[in-house]
Each structure stands twice: as C-alpha cells, then as structure tokens.
Protein backbone atom coordinates (compact mmCIF):
# COMPACT_ATOMS: atom_id res chain seq x y z
CA MET A 1 26.58 3.54 30.67
CA SER A 2 26.64 0.19 30.96
CA GLU A 3 27.29 -2.53 27.99
CA THR A 4 25.14 -1.97 25.22
CA PRO A 5 22.80 -4.92 25.07
CA ASN A 6 22.54 -7.03 21.76
CA PRO A 7 19.23 -6.60 19.47
CA ILE A 8 18.16 -9.84 20.43
CA GLN A 9 18.25 -8.96 23.87
CA VAL A 10 16.36 -6.15 23.35
CA GLN A 11 14.00 -7.37 20.76
CA LYS A 12 12.58 -9.80 23.12
CA TYR A 13 11.06 -7.06 25.46
CA LEU A 14 9.72 -5.36 22.22
CA GLY A 15 7.45 -8.26 21.20
CA GLY A 16 3.74 -7.16 20.33
CA ILE A 17 4.53 -3.39 19.43
CA ASP A 18 2.72 -1.98 16.32
CA TYR A 19 5.16 -0.03 14.52
CA PRO A 20 5.51 2.90 14.01
CA ALA A 21 6.25 3.48 17.46
CA SER A 22 7.22 6.13 19.81
CA LYS A 23 10.22 6.47 22.03
CA GLU A 24 7.69 6.20 24.98
CA THR A 25 5.84 3.54 23.61
CA ILE A 26 8.48 1.56 23.34
CA LEU A 27 9.87 2.21 26.65
CA GLU A 28 6.52 1.62 28.17
CA SER A 29 6.28 -1.76 26.26
CA ALA A 30 9.80 -2.71 27.46
CA ARG A 31 9.25 -1.80 31.16
CA ASP A 32 6.02 -3.74 31.15
CA ALA A 33 7.36 -6.96 29.61
CA GLY A 34 9.95 -6.86 32.43
CA ALA A 35 13.17 -5.47 30.46
CA ASP A 36 16.09 -5.19 32.71
CA ASP A 37 18.39 -2.02 33.50
CA ASN A 38 20.50 -2.50 30.82
CA VAL A 39 17.72 -2.59 28.07
CA LEU A 40 16.12 0.54 29.74
CA GLN A 41 19.08 2.55 30.15
CA ALA A 42 19.77 1.61 26.23
CA LEU A 43 16.46 2.58 25.01
CA GLU A 44 16.15 5.76 27.25
CA ALA A 45 19.42 6.94 25.25
CA ILE A 46 17.77 6.62 21.93
CA PRO A 47 16.35 10.21 20.39
CA GLU A 48 12.73 10.87 20.61
CA GLY A 49 10.58 10.13 17.30
CA ASP A 50 8.87 7.30 15.87
CA TYR A 51 10.35 4.26 14.65
CA ASP A 52 9.19 2.30 11.98
CA ALA A 53 10.38 -1.41 12.96
CA PRO A 54 12.65 -3.23 15.48
CA THR A 55 15.54 -2.97 13.28
CA ALA A 56 15.17 0.94 13.50
CA VAL A 57 15.25 0.55 17.39
CA SER A 58 18.28 -1.26 17.33
CA SER A 59 19.86 0.93 14.93
CA ALA A 60 19.17 3.89 17.06
CA ILE A 61 20.88 2.07 20.39
CA SER A 62 23.78 1.05 18.44
CA ASP A 63 24.04 5.06 17.43
CA ALA A 64 23.56 6.32 21.11
CA SER A 65 26.08 3.88 22.33
C-alpha cells in the first residue's frame, strides 16, 4: 500500500458526514469529494462497521496501516 495519508488529508474529504457513519458512507463521501487514490486506499482498508466520529476513522486508518 502507498504511504498512509495523515488525518488532515483524510478529514478534508469527509466534511459534512453525519456520524455515526458506515464504512460505505465514508467511502462514498470521500469519492464524491474528490479524494485521491491514496486516501481511498486507506479508507478501503478500514474494517467494516460504523464510525462515531472523524477521530474513529483516523484511528482505524492508523490501525489498518
């Protein structure tokens, strides 16, 4: 996998998401916001489930890398 994006890179594509949000919702929102491949790969690697806040998404990315 490419270099893990930092949380700021990821969060700029996740604005406007209502939490809790599923992995699929997070991925769709990032795609719609024009996230680059590096960010999308990182989000695709997180476990299925609901995330209750942006920090939970960032933690899951760190854990998955």
